Amino acid sequence: MKKFILFSGRHPHPETEGIPSVYEEVMGDIFSPWVLQKTQEFCVFLAEEDKECTVYVTGLTPGVTDLIFFCNTMQKNVKFLHYDRNSDTYREVPLSDRE
């Protein structure tokens, strides 16, 4: 299973060390077209993959919502993990009841 963090340089944690990111860095306005472009590039990658993928959610809302929208629309099996402060680990966030 391939693993990715959403944004590099945000919320460093031993669990995510060395994992490639979807968005290499936050460049200027998060609502600018670069977010959509990077999302589209990652979505093309996901569309070509038949394997399951895990994404560690390290922010920011526009990137997260773009990926959730694509995954639900294309019925891609992507597991999203979000940081849990209480346990100092990442936990799965169920997006729907779809199998």
N, C-alpha and C. Protein backbone atom coordinates (compact mmCIF):
# COMPACT_ATOMS: atom_id res chain seq x y z
N MET A 1 0.84 -1.17 0.00
CA MET A 1 0.00 0.00 0.00
C MET A 1 0.89 1.24 0.00
N LYS A 2 0.59 2.17 -0.88
CA LYS A 2 1.37 3.41 -0.96
C LYS A 2 0.87 4.39 0.08
N LYS A 3 1.81 5.16 0.64
CA LYS A 3 1.48 6.14 1.67
C LYS A 3 1.99 7.51 1.24
N PHE A 4 1.20 8.54 1.57
CA PHE A 4 1.54 9.92 1.28
C PHE A 4 1.12 10.80 2.44
N ILE A 5 1.83 11.90 2.64
CA ILE A 5 1.32 12.95 3.52
C ILE A 5 0.74 14.01 2.60
N LEU A 6 -0.19 14.79 3.10
CA LEU A 6 -0.83 15.76 2.24
C LEU A 6 0.08 16.95 1.95
N PHE A 7 0.55 17.64 3.00
CA PHE A 7 1.44 18.79 2.83
C PHE A 7 2.73 18.52 3.59
N SER A 8 3.86 18.66 2.92
CA SER A 8 5.14 18.48 3.61
C SER A 8 5.41 19.68 4.51
N GLY A 9 6.19 19.43 5.56
CA GLY A 9 6.58 20.51 6.45
C GLY A 9 5.54 20.94 7.46
N ARG A 10 4.41 20.26 7.49
CA ARG A 10 3.35 20.59 8.45
C ARG A 10 3.17 19.42 9.40
N HIS A 11 3.16 19.70 10.68
CA HIS A 11 2.92 18.69 11.71
C HIS A 11 3.87 17.50 11.60
N PRO A 12 5.18 17.72 11.69
CA PRO A 12 6.12 16.60 11.62
C PRO A 12 5.85 15.60 12.74
N HIS A 13 5.98 14.35 12.42
CA HIS A 13 5.71 13.27 13.37
C HIS A 13 6.54 12.06 12.94
N PRO A 14 7.07 11.30 13.88
CA PRO A 14 7.88 10.12 13.51
C PRO A 14 7.14 9.15 12.58
N GLU A 15 5.84 9.08 12.71
CA GLU A 15 5.04 8.17 11.89
C GLU A 15 5.04 8.56 10.41
N THR A 16 5.30 9.84 10.11
CA THR A 16 5.23 10.30 8.73
C THR A 16 6.60 10.63 8.13
N GLU A 17 7.67 10.39 8.86
CA GLU A 17 9.02 10.68 8.36
C GLU A 17 9.32 9.88 7.10
N GLY A 18 9.85 10.56 6.10
CA GLY A 18 10.27 9.89 4.88
C GLY A 18 9.16 9.55 3.91
N ILE A 19 7.92 9.91 4.24
CA ILE A 19 6.79 9.62 3.34
C ILE A 19 6.65 10.77 2.35
N PRO A 20 6.52 10.48 1.06
CA PRO A 20 6.38 11.56 0.07
C PRO A 20 5.06 12.31 0.26
N SER A 21 5.03 13.55 -0.22
CA SER A 21 3.83 14.36 -0.04
C SER A 21 3.13 14.62 -1.37
N VAL A 22 1.83 14.88 -1.26
CA VAL A 22 1.04 15.28 -2.42
C VAL A 22 1.41 16.70 -2.80
N TYR A 23 1.45 17.59 -1.81
CA TYR A 23 1.82 18.99 -2.00
C TYR A 23 3.17 19.20 -1.32
N GLU A 24 4.19 19.49 -2.09
CA GLU A 24 5.53 19.62 -1.54
C GLU A 24 5.66 20.76 -0.55
N GLU A 25 5.00 21.86 -0.80
CA GLU A 25 5.06 22.99 0.10
C GLU A 25 3.86 23.89 -0.15
N VAL A 26 3.57 24.70 0.83
CA VAL A 26 2.49 25.68 0.67
C VAL A 26 3.09 26.90 -0.01
N MET A 27 2.59 27.19 -1.20
CA MET A 27 3.13 28.31 -1.98
C MET A 27 2.09 29.41 -2.08
N GLY A 28 2.23 30.44 -1.28
CA GLY A 28 1.33 31.58 -1.37
C GLY A 28 -0.09 31.25 -0.94
N ASP A 29 -1.03 31.77 -1.68
CA ASP A 29 -2.45 31.62 -1.36
C ASP A 29 -2.90 30.18 -1.57
N ILE A 30 -3.39 29.56 -0.53
CA ILE A 30 -3.81 28.17 -0.60
C ILE A 30 -5.00 27.98 -1.54
N PHE A 31 -5.72 29.04 -1.83
CA PHE A 31 -6.86 28.95 -2.73
C PHE A 31 -6.49 29.23 -4.19
N SER A 32 -5.20 29.33 -4.47
CA SER A 32 -4.77 29.63 -5.84
C SER A 32 -4.81 28.36 -6.70
N PRO A 33 -4.68 28.52 -8.00
CA PRO A 33 -4.79 27.38 -8.92
C PRO A 33 -3.76 26.28 -8.71
N TRP A 34 -2.63 26.55 -8.04
CA TRP A 34 -1.62 25.50 -7.86
C TRP A 34 -2.17 24.34 -7.05
N VAL A 35 -3.10 24.62 -6.12
CA VAL A 35 -3.68 23.53 -5.33
C VAL A 35 -4.47 22.60 -6.25
N LEU A 36 -5.29 23.18 -7.10
CA LEU A 36 -6.07 22.37 -8.03
C LEU A 36 -5.16 21.60 -8.97
N GLN A 37 -4.09 22.23 -9.46
CA GLN A 37 -3.17 21.56 -10.37
C GLN A 37 -2.50 20.36 -9.69
N LYS A 38 -2.00 20.54 -8.47
CA LYS A 38 -1.35 19.43 -7.76
C LYS A 38 -2.36 18.34 -7.43
N THR A 39 -3.59 18.72 -7.09
CA THR A 39 -4.63 17.73 -6.83
C THR A 39 -4.90 16.93 -8.08
N GLN A 40 -5.00 17.59 -9.21
CA GLN A 40 -5.27 16.89 -10.47
C GLN A 40 -4.14 15.92 -10.80
N GLU A 41 -2.90 16.33 -10.59
CA GLU A 41 -1.76 15.44 -10.86
C GLU A 41 -1.82 14.20 -9.97
N PHE A 42 -2.14 14.40 -8.70
CA PHE A 42 -2.23 13.26 -7.78
C PHE A 42 -3.42 12.37 -8.15
N CYS A 43 -4.51 12.98 -8.56
CA CYS A 43 -5.70 12.21 -8.93
C CYS A 43 -5.45 11.37 -10.17
N VAL A 44 -4.68 11.89 -11.11
CA VAL A 44 -4.30 11.09 -12.28
C VAL A 44 -3.50 9.88 -11.84
N PHE A 45 -2.57 10.10 -10.90
CA PHE A 45 -1.79 8.99 -10.35
C PHE A 45 -2.72 7.96 -9.70
N LEU A 46 -3.66 8.42 -8.87
CA LEU A 46 -4.59 7.50 -8.21
C LEU A 46 -5.44 6.75 -9.21
N ALA A 47 -5.88 7.42 -10.24
CA ALA A 47 -6.74 6.79 -11.24
C ALA A 47 -6.01 5.66 -11.96
N GLU A 48 -4.70 5.79 -12.10
CA GLU A 48 -3.91 4.77 -12.78
C GLU A 48 -3.52 3.63 -11.86
N GLU A 49 -3.64 3.82 -10.56
CA GLU A 49 -3.27 2.80 -9.58
C GLU A 49 -4.46 1.92 -9.24
N ASP A 50 -4.23 0.64 -9.11
CA ASP A 50 -5.27 -0.27 -8.69
C ASP A 50 -5.15 -0.60 -7.21
N LYS A 51 -4.08 -0.14 -6.59
CA LYS A 51 -3.82 -0.49 -5.20
C LYS A 51 -4.44 0.54 -4.26
N GLU A 52 -4.57 0.11 -3.01
CA GLU A 52 -5.06 0.99 -1.97
C GLU A 52 -3.99 2.02 -1.62
N CYS A 53 -4.41 3.17 -1.17
CA CYS A 53 -3.50 4.26 -0.85
C CYS A 53 -3.89 4.86 0.49
N THR A 54 -2.90 5.30 1.26
CA THR A 54 -3.13 5.96 2.54
C THR A 54 -2.60 7.38 2.46
N VAL A 55 -3.40 8.35 2.93
CA VAL A 55 -2.98 9.74 2.95
C VAL A 55 -3.07 10.25 4.39
N TYR A 56 -1.93 10.73 4.90
CA TYR A 56 -1.89 11.35 6.22
C TYR A 56 -2.30 12.81 6.04
N VAL A 57 -3.39 13.20 6.66
CA VAL A 57 -3.92 14.56 6.52
C VAL A 57 -3.10 15.50 7.41
N THR A 58 -2.30 16.35 6.77
CA THR A 58 -1.47 17.33 7.48
C THR A 58 -1.91 18.75 7.14
N GLY A 59 -3.19 18.94 6.83
CA GLY A 59 -3.74 20.24 6.48
C GLY A 59 -3.86 20.31 4.99
N LEU A 60 -4.06 21.28 4.46
CA LEU A 60 -4.92 22.42 4.64
C LEU A 60 -6.25 22.11 3.97
N THR A 61 -7.30 22.73 4.41
CA THR A 61 -8.65 22.36 4.01
C THR A 61 -8.87 22.26 2.49
N PRO A 62 -8.43 23.23 1.67
CA PRO A 62 -8.68 23.09 0.23
C PRO A 62 -8.07 21.81 -0.37
N GLY A 63 -6.88 21.45 0.07
CA GLY A 63 -6.27 20.22 -0.44
C GLY A 63 -7.01 18.98 0.03
N VAL A 64 -7.42 18.96 1.29
CA VAL A 64 -8.16 17.82 1.83
C VAL A 64 -9.49 17.65 1.11
N THR A 65 -10.23 18.73 0.98
CA THR A 65 -11.56 18.62 0.35
C THR A 65 -11.46 18.24 -1.12
N ASP A 66 -10.46 18.74 -1.82
CA ASP A 66 -10.27 18.34 -3.22
C ASP A 66 -10.05 16.84 -3.33
N LEU A 67 -9.20 16.28 -2.49
CA LEU A 67 -8.92 14.84 -2.55
C LEU A 67 -10.13 14.01 -2.14
N ILE A 68 -10.83 14.43 -1.10
CA ILE A 68 -12.03 13.70 -0.68
C ILE A 68 -13.06 13.69 -1.80
N PHE A 69 -13.27 14.83 -2.42
CA PHE A 69 -14.23 14.92 -3.52
C PHE A 69 -13.85 13.96 -4.65
N PHE A 70 -12.59 13.98 -5.06
CA PHE A 70 -12.15 13.11 -6.14
C PHE A 70 -12.33 11.64 -5.76
N CYS A 71 -11.88 11.27 -4.58
CA CYS A 71 -11.93 9.86 -4.17
C CYS A 71 -13.36 9.35 -4.11
N ASN A 72 -14.27 10.16 -3.59
CA ASN A 72 -15.67 9.74 -3.55
C ASN A 72 -16.27 9.67 -4.94
N THR A 73 -15.95 10.65 -5.78
CA THR A 73 -16.49 10.67 -7.14
C THR A 73 -16.00 9.48 -7.96
N MET A 74 -14.72 9.18 -7.86
CA MET A 74 -14.12 8.11 -8.65
C MET A 74 -14.16 6.75 -7.93
N GLN A 75 -14.72 6.72 -6.74
CA GLN A 75 -14.81 5.50 -5.93
C GLN A 75 -13.43 4.85 -5.75
N LYS A 76 -12.45 5.68 -5.45
CA LYS A 76 -11.10 5.19 -5.17
C LYS A 76 -10.99 4.85 -3.70
N ASN A 77 -10.32 3.76 -3.41
CA ASN A 77 -10.18 3.29 -2.05
C ASN A 77 -8.95 3.94 -1.41
N VAL A 78 -9.16 5.11 -0.84
CA VAL A 78 -8.08 5.84 -0.18
C VAL A 78 -8.42 5.95 1.30
N LYS A 79 -7.46 5.60 2.12
CA LYS A 79 -7.63 5.70 3.57
C LYS A 79 -7.02 7.02 4.02
N PHE A 80 -7.81 7.85 4.69
CA PHE A 80 -7.33 9.12 5.21
C PHE A 80 -7.07 8.97 6.70
N LEU A 81 -5.87 9.39 7.13
CA LEU A 81 -5.50 9.34 8.54
C LEU A 81 -5.33 10.77 9.06
N HIS A 82 -5.87 11.04 10.23
CA HIS A 82 -5.77 12.36 10.83
C HIS A 82 -5.11 12.24 12.19
N TYR A 83 -4.33 13.24 12.56
CA TYR A 83 -3.59 13.21 13.81
C TYR A 83 -4.52 13.31 15.01
N ASP A 84 -4.31 12.44 15.98
CA ASP A 84 -5.07 12.43 17.23
C ASP A 84 -4.13 12.88 18.35
N ARG A 85 -4.35 14.07 18.87
CA ARG A 85 -3.48 14.63 19.91
C ARG A 85 -3.48 13.78 21.17
N ASN A 86 -4.62 13.21 21.52
CA ASN A 86 -4.71 12.44 22.76
C ASN A 86 -3.81 11.21 22.75
N SER A 87 -3.70 10.56 21.60
CA SER A 87 -2.88 9.34 21.53
C SER A 87 -1.53 9.57 20.85
N ASP A 88 -1.29 10.80 20.34
CA ASP A 88 -0.07 11.15 19.63
C ASP A 88 0.20 10.17 18.48
N THR A 89 -0.83 9.88 17.73
CA THR A 89 -0.71 9.02 16.57
C THR A 89 -1.75 9.42 15.53
N TYR A 90 -1.65 8.84 14.36
CA TYR A 90 -2.64 9.09 13.32
C TYR A 90 -3.69 7.99 13.34
N ARG A 91 -4.95 8.39 13.17
CA ARG A 91 -6.08 7.44 13.16
C ARG A 91 -6.88 7.61 11.87
N GLU A 92 -7.47 6.50 11.44
CA GLU A 92 -8.27 6.54 10.23
C GLU A 92 -9.53 7.37 10.43
N VAL A 93 -9.86 8.14 9.39
CA VAL A 93 -11.08 8.94 9.38
C VAL A 93 -11.99 8.35 8.31
N PRO A 94 -13.07 7.66 8.72
CA PRO A 94 -13.97 7.09 7.72
C PRO A 94 -14.70 8.21 6.96
N LEU A 95 -14.71 8.11 5.64
CA LEU A 95 -15.36 9.14 4.83
C LEU A 95 -16.78 8.78 4.46
N SER A 96 -17.08 7.51 4.39
CA SER A 96 -18.43 7.08 4.04
C SER A 96 -18.58 5.62 4.45
N ASP A 97 -19.78 5.10 4.23
CA ASP A 97 -20.02 3.70 4.55
C ASP A 97 -19.86 2.82 3.32
N ARG A 98 -19.35 3.40 2.23
CA ARG A 98 -19.16 2.65 0.98
C ARG A 98 -18.03 1.66 1.16
N GLU A 99 -18.21 0.46 0.68
CA GLU A 99 -17.18 -0.59 0.75
C GLU A 99 -16.25 -0.47 -0.42
